[in-house]
C-alpha atoms as a PDB file:
ATOM      1  CA  MET A   1     -20.966 -10.775  17.206  1.00  0.00           C
ATOM      2  CA  SER A   2     -19.960 -10.607  20.529  1.00  0.00           C
ATOM      3  CA  TRP A   3     -17.896  -6.912  22.120  1.00  0.00           C
ATOM      4  CA  ILE A   4     -14.911  -8.397  22.263  1.00  0.00           C
ATOM      5  CA  PHE A   5     -15.087  -9.212  18.334  1.00  0.00           C
ATOM      6  CA  ALA A   6     -16.674  -6.246  17.204  1.00  0.00           C
ATOM      7  CA  ILE A   7     -14.270  -3.560  18.983  1.00  0.00           C
ATOM      8  CA  PRO A   8     -11.301  -4.713  17.443  1.00  0.00           C
ATOM      9  CA  VAL A   9     -12.989  -5.169  14.254  1.00  0.00           C
ATOM     10  CA  ALA A  10     -14.702  -2.112  13.644  1.00  0.00           C
ATOM     11  CA  PHE A  11     -11.104  -0.100  14.670  1.00  0.00           C
ATOM     12  CA  LEU A  12      -9.766  -2.363  12.217  1.00  0.00           C
ATOM     13  CA  LEU A  13     -12.066  -1.405  10.046  1.00  0.00           C
ATOM     14  CA  VAL A  14     -11.891   2.543   9.847  1.00  0.00           C
ATOM     15  CA  GLY A  15      -7.850   2.516  10.275  1.00  0.00           C
ATOM     16  CA  GLY A  16      -8.436   0.422   7.110  1.00  0.00           C
ATOM     17  CA  ALA A  17     -11.095   2.926   5.199  1.00  0.00           C
ATOM     18  CA  LEU A  18      -8.778   5.686   6.324  1.00  0.00           C
ATOM     19  CA  PHE A  19      -5.613   4.416   5.029  1.00  0.00           C
ATOM     20  CA  SER A  20      -7.176   3.623   1.145  1.00  0.00           C
ATOM     21  CA  LEU A  21      -8.552   7.149   1.734  1.00  0.00           C
ATOM     22  CA  THR A  22      -5.445   8.376   2.468  1.00  0.00           C
ATOM     23  CA  ALA A  23      -3.725   6.186  -0.619  1.00  0.00           C
ATOM     24  CA  ALA A  24      -6.547   7.883  -2.865  1.00  0.00           C
ATOM     25  CA  ILE A  25      -5.653  10.878  -2.007  1.00  0.00           C
ATOM     26  CA  GLY A  26      -2.812  11.124  -2.357  1.00  0.00           C
ATOM     27  CA  ILE A  27      -2.691   9.239  -6.030  1.00  0.00           C
ATOM     28  CA  ASN A  28      -4.922  12.685  -7.195  1.00  0.00           C
ATOM     29  CA  ARG A  29      -2.895  15.354  -5.353  1.00  0.00           C
ATOM     30  CA  PHE A  30       0.629  14.217  -5.655  1.00  0.00           C
ATOM     31  CA  PRO A  31       2.510  15.456  -8.683  1.00  0.00           C
ATOM     32  CA  ASP A  32       4.282  12.784 -10.530  1.00  0.00           C
ATOM     33  CA  LEU A  33       4.577   8.905 -11.547  1.00  0.00           C
ATOM     34  CA  TYR A  34       6.744   8.167  -8.494  1.00  0.00           C
ATOM     35  CA  THR A  35       5.058   9.887  -5.787  1.00  0.00           C
ATOM     36  CA  ARG A  36       1.726   8.693  -6.719  1.00  0.00           C
ATOM     37  CA  MET A  37       3.107   5.076  -6.721  1.00  0.00           C
ATOM     38  CA  HIS A  38       4.258   5.976  -3.323  1.00  0.00           C
ATOM     39  CA  ALA A  39       1.154   6.532  -2.134  1.00  0.00           C
ATOM     40  CA  ALA A  40      -0.735   3.507  -3.944  1.00  0.00           C
ATOM     41  CA  SER A  41       1.856   1.255  -2.482  1.00  0.00           C
ATOM     42  CA  LYS A  42       1.919   2.144   1.410  1.00  0.00           C
ATOM     43  CA  ALA A  43      -0.642   3.641   2.610  1.00  0.00           C
ATOM     44  CA  GLY A  44      -3.094   1.114   0.203  1.00  0.00           C
ATOM     45  CA  THR A  45      -1.001  -2.413   1.612  1.00  0.00           C
ATOM     46  CA  VAL A  46      -2.064  -1.072   5.472  1.00  0.00           C
ATOM     47  CA  GLY A  47      -5.112   0.117   3.977  1.00  0.00           C
ATOM     48  CA  SER A  48      -6.183  -3.192   2.290  1.00  0.00           C
ATOM     49  CA  GLY A  49      -4.007  -5.225   4.964  1.00  0.00           C
ATOM     50  CA  LEU A  50      -6.297  -3.711   8.071  1.00  0.00           C
ATOM     51  CA  LEU A  51      -9.652  -4.432   6.041  1.00  0.00           C
ATOM     52  CA  LEU A  52      -8.634  -7.833   5.140  1.00  0.00           C
ATOM     53  CA  LEU A  53      -7.248  -8.382   9.070  1.00  0.00           C
ATOM     54  CA  ALA A  54     -11.059  -7.055  10.130  1.00  0.00           C
ATOM     55  CA  VAL A  55     -12.811  -9.621   7.095  1.00  0.00           C
ATOM     56  CA  GLY A  56     -11.288 -12.251   8.903  1.00  0.00           C
ATOM     57  CA  ILE A  57     -12.162 -11.286  12.955  1.00  0.00           C
ATOM     58  CA  ALA A  58     -15.537 -10.292  11.707  1.00  0.00           C
ATOM     59  CA  SER A  59     -16.382 -13.739  10.303  1.00  0.00           C
ATOM     60  CA  LEU A  60     -15.483 -15.768  13.478  1.00  0.00           C
ATOM     61  CA  GLU A  61     -13.941 -18.731  11.103  1.00  0.00           C
ATOM     62  CA  LEU A  62     -10.808 -20.516  11.407  1.00  0.00           C
ATOM     63  CA  ALA A  63     -10.698 -21.137   7.612  1.00  0.00           C
ATOM     64  CA  VAL A  64     -11.832 -18.133   6.369  1.00  0.00           C
ATOM     65  CA  PHE A  65      -9.206 -15.657   8.848  1.00  0.00           C
ATOM     66  CA  ALA A  66      -6.488 -17.904   7.898  1.00  0.00           C
ATOM     67  CA  ARG A  67      -7.431 -16.979   4.051  1.00  0.00           C
ATOM     68  CA  SER A  68      -7.396 -13.121   5.504  1.00  0.00           C
ATOM     69  CA  LEU A  69      -4.295 -13.618   7.156  1.00  0.00           C
ATOM     70  CA  ALA A  70      -2.717 -15.221   4.328  1.00  0.00           C
ATOM     71  CA  GLY A  71      -3.900 -12.502   1.946  1.00  0.00           C
ATOM     72  CA  PHE A  72      -2.367 -10.036   4.353  1.00  0.00           C
ATOM     73  CA  PHE A  73       0.811 -11.223   3.851  1.00  0.00           C
ATOM     74  CA  PHE A  74       0.623 -11.870   0.446  1.00  0.00           C
ATOM     75  CA  VAL A  75      -0.456  -8.241  -0.496  1.00  0.00           C
ATOM     76  CA  VAL A  76       2.678  -6.663   2.393  1.00  0.00           C
ATOM     77  CA  LEU A  77       4.824  -8.676   0.792  1.00  0.00           C
ATOM     78  CA  THR A  78       4.283  -8.168  -2.737  1.00  0.00           C
ATOM     79  CA  ALA A  79       2.751  -4.417  -3.246  1.00  0.00           C
ATOM     80  CA  PRO A  80       5.996  -2.654  -2.346  1.00  0.00           C
ATOM     81  CA  VAL A  81       8.500  -4.805  -4.110  1.00  0.00           C
ATOM     82  CA  SER A  82       6.260  -4.608  -7.804  1.00  0.00           C
ATOM     83  CA  ALA A  83       6.020  -0.971  -7.234  1.00  0.00           C
ATOM     84  CA  HIS A  84       9.295  -0.608  -6.610  1.00  0.00           C
ATOM     85  CA  LEU A  85      10.273  -2.459  -9.955  1.00  0.00           C
ATOM     86  CA  LEU A  86       7.591  -0.654 -11.777  1.00  0.00           C
ATOM     87  CA  ALA A  87       9.554   2.518 -10.259  1.00  0.00           C
ATOM     88  CA  LYS A  88      12.755   1.408 -11.419  1.00  0.00           C
ATOM     89  CA  ALA A  89      11.054   0.782 -14.891  1.00  0.00           C
ATOM     90  CA  ALA A  90       9.583   3.252 -15.622  1.00  0.00           C
ATOM     91  CA  HIS A  91      12.667   5.819 -14.457  1.00  0.00           C
ATOM     92  CA  GLN A  92      14.701   3.682 -17.120  1.00  0.00           C
ATOM     93  CA  VAL A  93      11.834   4.568 -19.156  1.00  0.00           C
ATOM     94  CA  GLY A  94      12.325   7.787 -19.502  1.00  0.00           C
ATOM     95  CA  TYR A  95       9.262   9.322 -16.913  1.00  0.00           C
ATOM     96  CA  ARG A  96      10.633  12.846 -15.844  1.00  0.00           C
ATOM     97  CA  LEU A  97      10.396  13.232 -11.495  1.00  0.00           C
ATOM     98  CA  SER A  98       8.177  16.762 -11.049  1.00  0.00           C
ATOM     99  CA  ALA A  99       9.763  19.772 -10.841  1.00  0.00           C
ATOM    100  CA  THR A 100      10.297  19.669  -6.738  1.00  0.00           C
ATOM    101  CA  THR A 101      12.095  16.758  -6.553  1.00  0.00           C
ATOM    102  CA  VAL A 102      15.650  17.344  -5.152  1.00  0.00           C
ATOM    103  CA  SER A 103      17.545  14.767  -6.100  1.00  0.00           C
ATOM    104  CA  ASP A 104      17.530  11.828  -7.867  1.00  0.00           C
ATOM    105  CA  GLU A 105      19.679   8.414  -6.719  1.00  0.00           C
ATOM    106  CA  LEU A 106      18.900   6.132  -9.668  1.00  0.00           C
ATOM    107  CA  LYS A 107      20.149   8.841 -12.499  1.00  0.00           C
ATOM    108  CA  ALA A 108      23.292   9.295 -10.294  1.00  0.00           C
ATOM    109  CA  ASP A 109      23.498   5.324  -9.546  1.00  0.00           C
ATOM    110  CA  ARG A 110      23.475   4.917 -13.761  1.00  0.00           C
ATOM    111  CA  LYS A 111      27.056   7.159 -14.030  1.00  0.00           C
ATOM    112  CA  LEU A 112      29.052   4.896 -11.159  1.00  0.00           C
ATOM    113  CA  LYS A 113      28.050   1.844 -14.115  1.00  0.00           C
END
C-alpha cells in the first residue's frame, strides 16, 4: 500500500478507535439507560463508520470499498433511529431517568395528548 492510501487509513483507524473508545466509556460511566444509549448510538455509529471506511480504503478493491460504503450508510441511517425507538419504548414502559436529568420532554408530550 502506498503512502497516499496509508495515511488516510491510519487517521480513519485512529479516529474510529477513539470514537469507539468514547462510546465504551460513555456506556460504562453514564448514569441511566437513556444517556448510555445516546453514547452508544452517536459515538458508536461514528466510530464503526470510520472503521468501515478505513477497511474499504485499505483493501484497495472496488468491491470491498463499495460494501464498506454501503455498510457505513446502513449503520449511519439505522443506529440513531433504532436507539430513538428503543429509548421511547423504555420510557413508555417506565424506565426512570437519572436524578440529574433536568426535564422530561416525553412526559410533557404525553400530558398534551
